[in-house]
Every structure is written in structure tokens, then in C-alpha cells.
Amino acid sequence: GMDKYISFDFMEKDRICTRVEIDGDNVKIKNFVDDIDIRAFGVLTNITLKDVQELFSSRVMPSNRYKCSWLLDKIGVPYYDPYLICRVTNGASLNDYNWIRFDDKKDLTWEQVKYRN
């Protein structure tokens, strides 16, 4: 499950789009871009834990995907949990240039996490 205290930057390549800080049930965000398509939560400003969980879910493969359990095994995540999967994959996707840079991995770059050019 999700940790009680999580801080991360929602990135587009090497640009910070949204800063997210979770303190228990309290979620604070700061947007750094006007483009709602690359912000973590689009137009939303009052963010809840549910919104954050949905963000993590949107950045990982669906649980019903073919070979999902094989993939989990491959990345070392014991069960389907979008947060835990994002901790390994950094929420990088083949579909766009967004990803999640957790605070304990501040030195990561787009070049290191991307799946495509």
C-alpha cells in the first residue's frame, strides 16, 4: 500500500509539471505548467488521496493485462499495487513523456527512465 508520507514531482521529460506532497491524509500540490495535459491532475486543484491513487493507477499496466503477474514478478513487486509498481517503473509509459520522480530518486533523468525516444 501507499506510504503515509510521499513526495514526488510529476515530470514531463526533465521538466517538473506538478509537485505533490502527501502528509497522512493531507495532499498539497503546486503546478509549474499551464498545460493541463501534462499536469498530474489536469484542472483539479483540491486533491485527495483517491486522486493520487488514481494517478498511480493511470501510470501502470491494468491488472487484467495479459502477463501482468509475469511482469510483476519480473520487476519484483509481490502483488498488484499501482503505488509499488510506480516505485519501480517511475510511472514511465510508452504512451507519453510523463513520469514520476520520487524524492528519494531526485537524481533520475528522463534519459534513465524512458521506454522510447
N, C-alpha and C. Protein backbone atom coordinates (compact mmCIF):
# COMPACT_ATOMS: atom_id res chain seq x y z
N GLY A 1 0.81 -1.22 0.00
CA GLY A 1 0.00 0.00 0.00
C GLY A 1 0.83 1.26 0.00
N MET A 2 0.15 2.38 -0.06
CA MET A 2 0.82 3.68 -0.13
C MET A 2 1.40 4.08 1.22
N ASP A 3 2.54 4.75 1.20
CA ASP A 3 3.12 5.28 2.43
C ASP A 3 2.32 6.48 2.92
N LYS A 4 2.45 6.80 4.21
CA LYS A 4 1.74 7.94 4.80
C LYS A 4 2.36 9.26 4.35
N TYR A 5 3.65 9.24 4.05
CA TYR A 5 4.36 10.46 3.67
C TYR A 5 5.07 10.21 2.36
N ILE A 6 4.58 10.84 1.31
CA ILE A 6 5.18 10.67 -0.01
C ILE A 6 5.33 12.04 -0.65
N SER A 7 6.49 12.27 -1.24
CA SER A 7 6.69 13.50 -2.01
C SER A 7 7.28 13.13 -3.35
N PHE A 8 6.74 13.74 -4.40
CA PHE A 8 7.28 13.47 -5.74
C PHE A 8 6.98 14.62 -6.68
N ASP A 9 7.74 14.64 -7.77
CA ASP A 9 7.49 15.58 -8.85
C ASP A 9 6.91 14.79 -10.01
N PHE A 10 5.81 15.31 -10.57
CA PHE A 10 5.24 14.72 -11.78
C PHE A 10 5.93 15.43 -12.93
N MET A 11 6.64 14.66 -13.74
CA MET A 11 7.53 15.21 -14.75
C MET A 11 7.01 15.05 -16.17
N GLU A 12 7.48 15.93 -17.06
CA GLU A 12 7.38 15.69 -18.49
C GLU A 12 8.82 15.79 -18.99
N LYS A 13 9.38 14.64 -19.40
CA LYS A 13 10.81 14.57 -19.70
C LYS A 13 11.57 15.12 -18.48
N ASP A 14 12.38 16.16 -18.63
CA ASP A 14 13.13 16.66 -17.48
C ASP A 14 12.55 17.94 -16.87
N ARG A 15 11.27 18.17 -17.16
CA ARG A 15 10.60 19.37 -16.65
C ARG A 15 9.61 18.99 -15.55
N ILE A 16 9.65 19.71 -14.44
CA ILE A 16 8.68 19.47 -13.38
C ILE A 16 7.35 20.12 -13.77
N CYS A 17 6.29 19.30 -13.78
CA CYS A 17 4.96 19.82 -14.11
C CYS A 17 4.14 20.08 -12.85
N THR A 18 4.19 19.14 -11.92
CA THR A 18 3.43 19.25 -10.68
C THR A 18 4.24 18.69 -9.52
N ARG A 19 4.28 19.44 -8.44
CA ARG A 19 4.91 18.98 -7.20
C ARG A 19 3.80 18.43 -6.31
N VAL A 20 3.98 17.23 -5.75
CA VAL A 20 2.97 16.61 -4.92
C VAL A 20 3.58 16.22 -3.58
N GLU A 21 2.92 16.64 -2.48
CA GLU A 21 3.39 16.29 -1.15
C GLU A 21 2.23 15.73 -0.33
N ILE A 22 2.40 14.50 0.16
CA ILE A 22 1.35 13.83 0.92
C ILE A 22 1.82 13.68 2.36
N ASP A 23 0.99 14.16 3.27
CA ASP A 23 1.28 14.09 4.70
C ASP A 23 0.05 13.48 5.35
N GLY A 24 0.07 12.16 5.54
CA GLY A 24 -1.10 11.47 6.06
C GLY A 24 -2.25 11.55 5.07
N ASP A 25 -3.35 12.23 5.46
CA ASP A 25 -4.50 12.36 4.56
C ASP A 25 -4.49 13.68 3.80
N ASN A 26 -3.48 14.49 4.08
CA ASN A 26 -3.39 15.82 3.51
C ASN A 26 -2.52 15.82 2.25
N VAL A 27 -3.08 16.28 1.13
CA VAL A 27 -2.33 16.32 -0.12
C VAL A 27 -2.17 17.77 -0.58
N LYS A 28 -0.91 18.17 -0.80
CA LYS A 28 -0.64 19.52 -1.30
C LYS A 28 0.00 19.41 -2.67
N ILE A 29 -0.47 20.24 -3.61
CA ILE A 29 0.18 20.24 -4.93
C ILE A 29 0.52 21.65 -5.37
N LYS A 30 1.50 21.74 -6.26
CA LYS A 30 1.83 23.01 -6.89
C LYS A 30 2.11 22.71 -8.36
N ASN A 31 1.37 23.38 -9.24
CA ASN A 31 1.58 23.21 -10.68
C ASN A 31 2.62 24.20 -11.19
N PHE A 32 3.50 23.75 -12.06
CA PHE A 32 4.53 24.61 -12.63
C PHE A 32 4.32 24.88 -14.11
N VAL A 33 3.29 24.26 -14.68
CA VAL A 33 2.99 24.46 -16.10
C VAL A 33 1.52 24.79 -16.28
N ASP A 34 1.22 25.52 -17.35
CA ASP A 34 -0.17 25.87 -17.64
C ASP A 34 -0.89 24.78 -18.43
N ASP A 35 -0.13 23.95 -19.12
CA ASP A 35 -0.69 22.91 -19.97
C ASP A 35 -1.32 21.80 -19.12
N ILE A 36 -2.67 21.75 -19.11
CA ILE A 36 -3.34 20.77 -18.24
C ILE A 36 -3.11 19.33 -18.67
N ASP A 37 -2.73 19.11 -19.93
CA ASP A 37 -2.50 17.75 -20.40
C ASP A 37 -1.28 17.09 -19.77
N ILE A 38 -0.33 17.89 -19.29
CA ILE A 38 0.89 17.30 -18.71
C ILE A 38 0.99 17.52 -17.20
N ARG A 39 -0.03 18.16 -16.62
CA ARG A 39 -0.08 18.27 -15.15
C ARG A 39 -0.53 16.93 -14.56
N ALA A 40 -0.15 16.70 -13.31
CA ALA A 40 -0.51 15.44 -12.66
C ALA A 40 -2.02 15.26 -12.56
N PHE A 41 -2.75 16.34 -12.29
CA PHE A 41 -4.19 16.23 -12.06
C PHE A 41 -5.02 17.12 -12.97
N GLY A 42 -4.43 17.54 -14.09
CA GLY A 42 -5.18 18.35 -15.03
C GLY A 42 -5.67 19.65 -14.42
N VAL A 43 -6.98 19.89 -14.50
CA VAL A 43 -7.55 21.14 -13.98
C VAL A 43 -7.82 21.08 -12.47
N LEU A 44 -7.82 19.89 -11.91
CA LEU A 44 -8.15 19.73 -10.49
C LEU A 44 -7.14 20.43 -9.59
N THR A 45 -7.63 21.04 -8.52
CA THR A 45 -6.74 21.69 -7.56
C THR A 45 -6.92 21.14 -6.14
N ASN A 46 -8.15 20.72 -5.80
CA ASN A 46 -8.40 20.12 -4.49
C ASN A 46 -8.14 18.63 -4.56
N ILE A 47 -6.94 18.22 -4.25
CA ILE A 47 -6.53 16.84 -4.49
C ILE A 47 -6.68 15.97 -3.24
N THR A 48 -7.24 14.79 -3.44
CA THR A 48 -7.41 13.84 -2.34
C THR A 48 -6.47 12.66 -2.54
N LEU A 49 -6.37 11.80 -1.52
CA LEU A 49 -5.56 10.58 -1.64
C LEU A 49 -6.08 9.71 -2.77
N LYS A 50 -7.41 9.72 -2.96
CA LYS A 50 -8.02 8.93 -4.03
C LYS A 50 -7.50 9.41 -5.40
N ASP A 51 -7.38 10.73 -5.55
CA ASP A 51 -6.83 11.28 -6.80
C ASP A 51 -5.40 10.81 -7.03
N VAL A 52 -4.62 10.78 -5.96
CA VAL A 52 -3.22 10.35 -6.07
C VAL A 52 -3.17 8.86 -6.45
N GLN A 53 -4.03 8.05 -5.81
CA GLN A 53 -4.09 6.63 -6.14
C GLN A 53 -4.48 6.43 -7.60
N GLU A 54 -5.42 7.25 -8.08
CA GLU A 54 -5.83 7.17 -9.48
C GLU A 54 -4.70 7.58 -10.42
N LEU A 55 -3.89 8.55 -9.98
CA LEU A 55 -2.72 8.94 -10.78
C LEU A 55 -1.77 7.75 -10.91
N PHE A 56 -1.46 7.10 -9.79
CA PHE A 56 -0.57 5.93 -9.84
C PHE A 56 -1.16 4.85 -10.75
N SER A 57 -2.47 4.61 -10.60
CA SER A 57 -3.14 3.60 -11.43
C SER A 57 -3.03 3.91 -12.91
N SER A 58 -3.13 5.21 -13.23
CA SER A 58 -3.10 5.61 -14.64
C SER A 58 -1.70 5.47 -15.24
N ARG A 59 -0.68 5.32 -14.39
CA ARG A 59 0.71 5.23 -14.86
C ARG A 59 1.24 3.81 -14.91
N VAL A 60 0.38 2.81 -14.67
CA VAL A 60 0.84 1.41 -14.70
C VAL A 60 -0.06 0.57 -15.60
N MET A 61 0.37 -0.66 -15.90
CA MET A 61 -0.43 -1.54 -16.74
C MET A 61 -1.68 -1.97 -15.96
N PRO A 62 -2.80 -2.21 -16.66
CA PRO A 62 -4.01 -2.66 -15.97
C PRO A 62 -3.81 -4.06 -15.38
N SER A 63 -4.48 -4.34 -14.27
CA SER A 63 -4.30 -5.62 -13.59
C SER A 63 -4.77 -6.79 -14.42
N ASN A 64 -5.65 -6.54 -15.38
CA ASN A 64 -6.17 -7.64 -16.22
C ASN A 64 -5.36 -7.83 -17.49
N ARG A 65 -4.25 -7.11 -17.59
CA ARG A 65 -3.42 -7.22 -18.78
C ARG A 65 -2.79 -8.61 -18.88
N TYR A 66 -2.68 -9.09 -20.10
CA TYR A 66 -2.02 -10.35 -20.38
C TYR A 66 -0.60 -10.33 -19.79
N LYS A 67 -0.25 -11.36 -19.09
CA LYS A 67 1.09 -11.49 -18.49
C LYS A 67 1.34 -10.51 -17.36
N CYS A 68 0.33 -9.93 -16.77
CA CYS A 68 0.52 -8.97 -15.68
C CYS A 68 1.33 -9.59 -14.53
N SER A 69 0.97 -10.81 -14.11
CA SER A 69 1.67 -11.42 -12.98
C SER A 69 3.13 -11.72 -13.32
N TRP A 70 3.36 -12.07 -14.59
CA TRP A 70 4.74 -12.30 -15.04
C TRP A 70 5.55 -11.00 -14.96
N LEU A 71 4.93 -9.89 -15.37
CA LEU A 71 5.59 -8.59 -15.30
C LEU A 71 5.89 -8.18 -13.87
N LEU A 72 4.92 -8.40 -12.96
CA LEU A 72 5.12 -8.06 -11.55
C LEU A 72 6.31 -8.84 -11.01
N ASP A 73 6.37 -10.12 -11.34
CA ASP A 73 7.45 -10.98 -10.91
C ASP A 73 8.79 -10.44 -11.42
N LYS A 74 8.78 -10.04 -12.68
CA LYS A 74 9.97 -9.53 -13.34
C LYS A 74 10.52 -8.27 -12.67
N ILE A 75 9.62 -7.37 -12.23
CA ILE A 75 10.08 -6.13 -11.59
C ILE A 75 10.17 -6.26 -10.07
N GLY A 76 9.80 -7.43 -9.54
CA GLY A 76 9.97 -7.68 -8.11
C GLY A 76 8.90 -7.08 -7.21
N VAL A 77 7.69 -6.89 -7.74
CA VAL A 77 6.59 -6.40 -6.92
C VAL A 77 5.70 -7.61 -6.58
N PRO A 78 5.46 -7.87 -5.28
CA PRO A 78 4.81 -9.11 -4.85
C PRO A 78 3.33 -9.25 -5.23
N TYR A 79 2.63 -8.15 -5.41
CA TYR A 79 1.21 -8.20 -5.78
C TYR A 79 0.85 -6.91 -6.50
N TYR A 80 -0.31 -6.91 -7.14
CA TYR A 80 -0.69 -5.73 -7.94
C TYR A 80 -1.01 -4.55 -7.04
N ASP A 81 -0.16 -3.56 -7.07
CA ASP A 81 -0.33 -2.33 -6.28
C ASP A 81 0.29 -1.19 -7.08
N PRO A 82 -0.56 -0.33 -7.67
CA PRO A 82 -0.06 0.74 -8.55
C PRO A 82 1.05 1.59 -7.94
N TYR A 83 0.95 1.90 -6.63
CA TYR A 83 2.00 2.70 -5.99
C TYR A 83 3.33 1.95 -6.01
N LEU A 84 3.30 0.68 -5.58
CA LEU A 84 4.53 -0.11 -5.54
C LEU A 84 5.12 -0.28 -6.94
N ILE A 85 4.25 -0.46 -7.93
CA ILE A 85 4.72 -0.61 -9.31
C ILE A 85 5.40 0.70 -9.77
N CYS A 86 4.78 1.83 -9.45
CA CYS A 86 5.35 3.14 -9.81
C CYS A 86 6.70 3.37 -9.14
N ARG A 87 6.87 2.84 -7.93
CA ARG A 87 8.14 2.99 -7.23
C ARG A 87 9.27 2.33 -8.04
N VAL A 88 8.92 1.28 -8.80
CA VAL A 88 9.92 0.57 -9.61
C VAL A 88 10.03 1.15 -11.01
N THR A 89 8.88 1.42 -11.64
CA THR A 89 8.88 1.87 -13.04
C THR A 89 8.97 3.39 -13.18
N ASN A 90 8.85 4.10 -12.05
CA ASN A 90 8.80 5.58 -12.05
C ASN A 90 7.60 6.10 -12.84
N GLY A 91 6.59 5.26 -12.99
CA GLY A 91 5.38 5.68 -13.69
C GLY A 91 5.61 6.04 -15.14
N ALA A 92 6.75 5.58 -15.70
CA ALA A 92 7.04 5.86 -17.11
C ALA A 92 6.17 4.95 -17.97
N SER A 93 5.80 5.45 -19.14
CA SER A 93 4.87 4.74 -20.01
C SER A 93 5.32 4.87 -21.46
N LEU A 94 4.85 3.96 -22.29
CA LEU A 94 5.14 4.06 -23.73
C LEU A 94 4.26 5.12 -24.39
N ASN A 95 3.22 5.55 -23.69
CA ASN A 95 2.19 6.40 -24.30
C ASN A 95 2.48 7.89 -24.28
N ASP A 96 3.37 8.33 -23.39
CA ASP A 96 3.61 9.77 -23.29
C ASP A 96 4.99 10.02 -22.69
N TYR A 97 5.27 11.27 -22.35
CA TYR A 97 6.58 11.66 -21.83
C TYR A 97 6.53 12.00 -20.35
N ASN A 98 5.43 11.65 -19.69
CA ASN A 98 5.31 11.93 -18.27
C ASN A 98 5.88 10.78 -17.44
N TRP A 99 6.31 11.10 -16.24
CA TRP A 99 6.77 10.10 -15.29
C TRP A 99 6.79 10.70 -13.89
N ILE A 100 7.05 9.87 -12.90
CA ILE A 100 7.01 10.30 -11.51
C ILE A 100 8.41 10.20 -10.91
N ARG A 101 8.92 11.33 -10.43
CA ARG A 101 10.24 11.34 -9.79
C ARG A 101 10.07 11.48 -8.27
N PHE A 102 10.16 10.34 -7.59
CA PHE A 102 10.02 10.34 -6.14
C PHE A 102 11.24 11.02 -5.52
N ASP A 103 11.03 11.62 -4.34
CA ASP A 103 12.08 12.43 -3.71
C ASP A 103 13.35 11.65 -3.38
N ASP A 104 13.22 10.34 -3.16
CA ASP A 104 14.44 9.58 -2.86
C ASP A 104 15.18 9.17 -4.13
N LYS A 105 14.68 9.63 -5.28
CA LYS A 105 15.37 9.36 -6.56
C LYS A 105 15.53 10.66 -7.34
N LYS A 106 15.84 11.73 -6.61
CA LYS A 106 15.91 13.08 -7.20
C LYS A 106 16.89 13.21 -8.37
N ASP A 107 17.90 12.31 -8.42
CA ASP A 107 18.90 12.45 -9.47
C ASP A 107 18.54 11.73 -10.76
N LEU A 108 17.37 11.09 -10.78
CA LEU A 108 16.93 10.40 -12.01
C LEU A 108 16.63 11.40 -13.12
N THR A 109 16.93 11.00 -14.35
CA THR A 109 16.62 11.84 -15.51
C THR A 109 15.71 11.08 -16.46
N TRP A 110 15.10 11.81 -17.36
CA TRP A 110 14.23 11.21 -18.39
C TRP A 110 14.99 10.15 -19.17
N GLU A 111 16.22 10.44 -19.49
CA GLU A 111 17.07 9.52 -20.25
C GLU A 111 17.15 8.15 -19.56
N GLN A 112 17.15 8.14 -18.24
CA GLN A 112 17.27 6.90 -17.48
C GLN A 112 15.96 6.13 -17.34
N VAL A 113 14.82 6.84 -17.36
CA VAL A 113 13.55 6.15 -17.09
C VAL A 113 12.71 5.87 -18.34
N LYS A 114 13.01 6.54 -19.44
CA LYS A 114 12.15 6.45 -20.61
C LYS A 114 12.14 5.07 -21.26
N TYR A 115 11.04 4.75 -21.90
CA TYR A 115 10.91 3.49 -22.64
C TYR A 115 11.06 3.70 -24.13
N ARG A 116 11.07 4.95 -24.56
CA ARG A 116 11.09 5.22 -26.01
C ARG A 116 11.80 6.53 -26.25
N ASN A 117 12.08 6.83 -27.50
CA ASN A 117 12.74 8.08 -27.84
C ASN A 117 11.74 9.16 -28.22
